[in-house]
C-alpha atoms as a PDB file:
ATOM      1  CA  MET A   1     113.770-106.107  13.452  1.00  0.00           C
ATOM      2  CA  SER A   2     110.082-105.361  12.889  1.00  0.00           C
ATOM      3  CA  LEU A   3     107.740-104.826   9.974  1.00  0.00           C
ATOM      4  CA  THR A   4     106.941-101.258   8.969  1.00  0.00           C
ATOM      5  CA  LEU A   5     103.884-100.433   6.868  1.00  0.00           C
ATOM      6  CA  CYS A   6     104.394 -97.750   4.228  1.00  0.00           C
ATOM      7  CA  ASN A   7     102.728 -96.380   1.132  1.00  0.00           C
ATOM      8  CA  VAL A   8     104.670 -96.961  -2.105  1.00  0.00           C
ATOM      9  CA  HIS A   9     104.534 -94.434  -4.953  1.00  0.00           C
ATOM     10  CA  PHE A  10     106.280 -94.379  -8.338  1.00  0.00           C
ATOM     11  CA  SER A  11     108.240 -91.565  -9.955  1.00  0.00           C
ATOM     12  CA  ARG A  12     109.137 -91.316 -13.650  1.00  0.00           C
ATOM     13  CA  GLN A  13     112.855 -90.792 -13.162  1.00  0.00           C
ATOM     14  CA  ALA A  14     114.994 -93.379 -14.933  1.00  0.00           C
ATOM     15  CA  ASP A  15     117.793 -93.462 -12.344  1.00  0.00           C
ATOM     16  CA  ARG A  16     117.976 -95.909  -9.433  1.00  0.00           C
ATOM     17  CA  VAL A  17     116.907 -93.750  -6.504  1.00  0.00           C
ATOM     18  CA  VAL A  18     114.507 -94.465  -3.655  1.00  0.00           C
ATOM     19  CA  TYR A  19     113.047 -91.462  -1.858  1.00  0.00           C
ATOM     20  CA  LEU A  20     111.967 -91.936   1.758  1.00  0.00           C
ATOM     21  CA  THR A  21     110.198 -89.612   4.148  1.00  0.00           C
ATOM     22  CA  PRO A  22     112.139 -88.790   7.330  1.00  0.00           C
ATOM     23  CA  PRO A  23     109.778 -90.771   9.628  1.00  0.00           C
ATOM     24  CA  LEU A  24     110.135 -93.864   7.414  1.00  0.00           C
ATOM     25  CA  SER A  25     113.911 -93.477   7.168  1.00  0.00           C
ATOM     26  CA  LYS A  26     114.093 -93.283  10.948  1.00  0.00           C
ATOM     27  CA  ALA A  27     111.784 -96.297  11.449  1.00  0.00           C
ATOM     28  CA  LEU A  28     113.939 -98.390   9.081  1.00  0.00           C
ATOM     29  CA  LYS A  29     117.158 -97.086  10.684  1.00  0.00           C
ATOM     30  CA  LEU A  30     118.502 -95.873   7.343  1.00  0.00           C
ATOM     31  CA  ALA A  31     119.341 -92.313   8.361  1.00  0.00           C
ATOM     32  CA  GLY A  32     122.760 -91.365   7.010  1.00  0.00           C
ATOM     33  CA  LYS A  33     123.028 -94.287   4.552  1.00  0.00           C
ATOM     34  CA  ASN A  34     123.644 -93.433   0.909  1.00  0.00           C
ATOM     35  CA  THR A  35     123.080 -96.807  -0.778  1.00  0.00           C
ATOM     36  CA  VAL A  36     120.789 -99.620   0.318  1.00  0.00           C
ATOM     37  CA  ARG A  37     119.822-102.945  -1.245  1.00  0.00           C
ATOM     38  CA  PHE A  38     116.085-103.348  -1.907  1.00  0.00           C
ATOM     39  CA  LYS A  39     114.596-106.804  -2.291  1.00  0.00           C
ATOM     40  CA  LEU A  40     111.240-108.114  -3.564  1.00  0.00           C
ATOM     41  CA  GLY A  41     111.078-111.864  -3.946  1.00  0.00           C
ATOM     42  CA  GLN A  42     114.297-112.890  -5.684  1.00  0.00           C
ATOM     43  CA  GLY A  43     114.835-109.464  -7.254  1.00  0.00           C
ATOM     44  CA  VAL A  44     117.531-107.386  -5.548  1.00  0.00           C
ATOM     45  CA  ILE A  45     118.780-103.939  -6.506  1.00  0.00           C
ATOM     46  CA  ALA A  46     121.221-101.518  -4.935  1.00  0.00           C
ATOM     47  CA  ALA A  47     119.798 -98.008  -5.031  1.00  0.00           C
ATOM     48  CA  ALA A  48     120.679 -94.575  -3.731  1.00  0.00           C
ATOM     49  CA  VAL A  49     118.520 -93.392  -0.829  1.00  0.00           C
ATOM     50  CA  LYS A  50     117.388 -89.788  -0.473  1.00  0.00           C
ATOM     51  CA  THR A  51     114.938 -88.152   1.909  1.00  0.00           C
ATOM     52  CA  ILE A  52     112.051 -85.921   0.897  1.00  0.00           C
ATOM     53  CA  LYS A  53     110.081 -83.502   3.006  1.00  0.00           C
ATOM     54  CA  ARG A  54     106.746 -85.154   3.622  1.00  0.00           C
ATOM     55  CA  GLN A  55     104.896 -86.492   6.645  1.00  0.00           C
ATOM     56  CA  GLY A  56     104.062 -90.162   7.209  1.00  0.00           C
ATOM     57  CA  HIS A  57     105.623 -93.352   5.925  1.00  0.00           C
ATOM     58  CA  HIS A  58     105.979 -92.898   2.160  1.00  0.00           C
ATOM     59  CA  MET A  59     108.450 -94.419  -0.302  1.00  0.00           C
ATOM     60  CA  TYR A  60     108.911 -93.160  -3.857  1.00  0.00           C
ATOM     61  CA  LEU A  61     110.550 -95.608  -6.270  1.00  0.00           C
ATOM     62  CA  SER A  62     112.093 -94.362  -9.511  1.00  0.00           C
ATOM     63  CA  ALA A  63     111.271 -96.149 -12.763  1.00  0.00           C
ATOM     64  CA  GLY A  64     114.700 -97.810 -12.789  1.00  0.00           C
ATOM     65  CA  VAL A  65     114.096 -99.414  -9.395  1.00  0.00           C
ATOM     66  CA  ARG A  66     110.520-100.396 -10.231  1.00  0.00           C
ATOM     67  CA  GLN A  67     111.532-102.192 -13.429  1.00  0.00           C
ATOM     68  CA  SER A  68     114.480-103.970 -11.814  1.00  0.00           C
ATOM     69  CA  ILE A  69     112.541-105.602  -8.992  1.00  0.00           C
ATOM     70  CA  ARG A  70     109.177-105.668 -10.853  1.00  0.00           C
ATOM     71  CA  ILE A  71     106.795-104.023  -8.412  1.00  0.00           C
ATOM     72  CA  PRO A  72     103.356-104.307 -10.047  1.00  0.00           C
ATOM     73  CA  LYS A  73     101.505-101.363  -8.480  1.00  0.00           C
ATOM     74  CA  THR A  74     101.453 -98.656  -5.841  1.00  0.00           C
ATOM     75  CA  GLY A  75      99.842 -99.030  -2.443  1.00  0.00           C
ATOM     76  CA  ASN A  76     100.559-100.242   1.056  1.00  0.00           C
ATOM     77  CA  VAL A  77     103.403-102.678   1.586  1.00  0.00           C
ATOM     78  CA  TYR A  78     105.368-103.963   4.546  1.00  0.00           C
ATOM     79  CA  LEU A  79     109.086-103.282   4.833  1.00  0.00           C
ATOM     80  CA  LEU A  80     111.668-105.243   6.791  1.00  0.00           C
ATOM     81  CA  SER A  81     115.025-103.585   7.332  1.00  0.00           C
ATOM     82  CA  THR A  82     118.053-105.718   8.164  1.00  0.00           C
ATOM     83  CA  GLY A  83     121.208-103.655   8.236  1.00  0.00           C
ATOM     84  CA  ASN A  84     121.882-102.488   4.691  1.00  0.00           C
ATOM     85  CA  GLU A  85     118.944-104.343   3.069  1.00  0.00           C
ATOM     86  CA  VAL A  86     115.234-103.509   2.913  1.00  0.00           C
ATOM     87  CA  GLN A  87     112.830-106.278   1.967  1.00  0.00           C
ATOM     88  CA  LEU A  88     109.432-105.373   0.506  1.00  0.00           C
ATOM     89  CA  GLY A  89     106.530-107.732   0.812  1.00  0.00           C
ATOM     90  CA  PRO A  90     104.986-110.057   1.329  1.00  0.00           C
ATOM     91  CA  LEU A  91     104.935-111.101  -2.320  1.00  0.00           C
ATOM     92  CA  ILE A  92     102.285-113.646  -3.234  1.00  0.00           C
ATOM     93  CA  GLY A  93     102.338-115.202  -6.699  1.00  0.00           C
ATOM     94  CA  ILE A  94      99.272-117.012  -8.025  1.00  0.00           C
ATOM     95  CA  LEU A  95     100.179-119.535 -10.705  1.00  0.00           C
ATOM     96  CA  THR A  96      97.368-120.621 -13.006  1.00  0.00           C
ATOM     97  CA  ASP A  97      96.698-121.425 -16.642  1.00  0.00           C
ATOM     98  CA  SER A  98      93.701-122.213 -18.803  1.00  0.00           C
ATOM     99  CA  ASP A  99      92.978-123.177 -22.394  1.00  0.00           C
ATOM    100  CA  LEU A 100      89.806-121.069 -22.514  1.00  0.00           C
ATOM    101  CA  LYS A 101      91.116-117.503 -22.279  1.00  0.00           C
ATOM    102  CA  SER A 102      89.438-114.258 -23.298  1.00  0.00           C
ATOM    103  CA  SER A 103      89.989-110.570 -22.615  1.00  0.00           C
ATOM    104  CA  SER A 104      87.273-110.564 -19.939  1.00  0.00           C
ATOM    105  CA  ALA A 105      88.355-113.903 -18.440  1.00  0.00           C
ATOM    106  CA  PRO A 106      92.166-114.173 -18.795  1.00  0.00           C
ATOM    107  CA  PHE A 107      92.285-117.244 -16.523  1.00  0.00           C
ATOM    108  CA  GLY A 108      89.270-119.026 -17.971  1.00  0.00           C
ATOM    109  CA  SER A 109      86.799-120.422 -15.448  1.00  0.00           C
ATOM    110  CA  ARG A 110      89.172-119.559 -12.563  1.00  0.00           C
ATOM    111  CA  THR A 111      89.187-115.791 -13.268  1.00  0.00           C
ATOM    112  CA  GLY A 112      86.573-114.941 -10.613  1.00  0.00           C
ATOM    113  CA  PHE A 113      88.390-116.988  -7.980  1.00  0.00           C
ATOM    114  CA  ILE A 114      91.781-115.444  -8.841  1.00  0.00           C
ATOM    115  CA  ARG A 115      90.327-111.921  -8.646  1.00  0.00           C
ATOM    116  CA  GLN A 116      88.741-112.758  -5.286  1.00  0.00           C
ATOM    117  CA  LEU A 117      92.098-113.953  -3.901  1.00  0.00           C
ATOM    118  CA  ILE A 118      93.796-110.762  -5.027  1.00  0.00           C
ATOM    119  CA  ARG A 119      91.064-108.533  -3.561  1.00  0.00           C
ATOM    120  CA  LEU A 120      91.260-110.271  -0.162  1.00  0.00           C
ATOM    121  CA  GLY A 121      94.759-109.079   0.596  1.00  0.00           C
ATOM    122  CA  GLU A 122      95.041-106.093  -1.704  1.00  0.00           C
ATOM    123  CA  LYS A 123      95.849-103.638   1.102  1.00  0.00           C
ATOM    124  CA  LYS A 124      98.485-105.761   2.862  1.00  0.00           C
ATOM    125  CA  ARG A 125     100.590-107.493   0.214  1.00  0.00           C
ATOM    126  CA  ILE A 126     101.918-107.416  -3.313  1.00  0.00           C
ATOM    127  CA  SER A 127     100.073-109.901  -5.510  1.00  0.00           C
ATOM    128  CA  SER A 128     101.104-111.077  -8.919  1.00  0.00           C
ATOM    129  CA  ARG A 129      99.262-113.289 -11.374  1.00  0.00           C
ATOM    130  CA  LEU A 130     101.533-115.676 -13.246  1.00  0.00           C
ATOM    131  CA  ARG A 131     101.202-118.103 -16.106  1.00  0.00           C
ATOM    132  CA  PRO A 132     103.649-120.936 -16.814  1.00  0.00           C
ATOM    133  CA  ALA A 133     104.706-119.165 -20.022  1.00  0.00           C
ATOM    134  CA  THR A 134     105.614-116.075 -17.979  1.00  0.00           C
ATOM    135  CA  LEU A 135     107.914-118.077 -15.726  1.00  0.00           C
ATOM    136  CA  ILE A 136     109.591-119.827 -18.658  1.00  0.00           C
ATOM    137  CA  GLY A 137     110.213-116.417 -20.301  1.00  0.00           C
ATOM    138  CA  ARG A 138     111.815-115.079 -17.106  1.00  0.00           C
ATOM    139  CA  ARG A 139     114.148-118.081 -16.815  1.00  0.00           C
ATOM    140  CA  LYS A 140     115.457-117.571 -20.369  1.00  0.00           C
ATOM    141  CA  ARG A 141     116.545-113.960 -19.651  1.00  0.00           C
END
C-alpha cells in the first residue's frame, strides 16, 4: 500500500467512467477490475474502470464522476489503492469568512493569505476554499 502520483484530466462524458493508463492501472493493482470505488474526502462513487493507450500515470475522470466527488481542478494528485477502493488526495479545505467581500478579494483581508496557502501546495494536493454558508448548503442536500 503506497502512494502513487498521477495527473488527473477531465472528460465531458456524462457517464461514470474512469479511464486509466496501463502503467497507472498496474501500479494501483486494478488490472482486470471492472468497477472500483473512488473516494475524495467523504465523497465516494462506484465507477467503471477502462484503460486507454497512453504512456505515464494519467487518469481521466468523466463529468459524472467529477460532479459526484467534487474534484475542483485538474493536475497532480496522489492515489492510494486499497483493494477495490482508490482514494484521491490529500484534500485540504480552508474554511474562512469575512464581512468585507469583493470580486477581487472574496475573503476580505485574508484573501492574500488564502491564495498563498493554496499556491504552496498546488502541485501536491487538492485544495478547496470553503465558506460557512457553503458547508450549511451541503448539509441540507
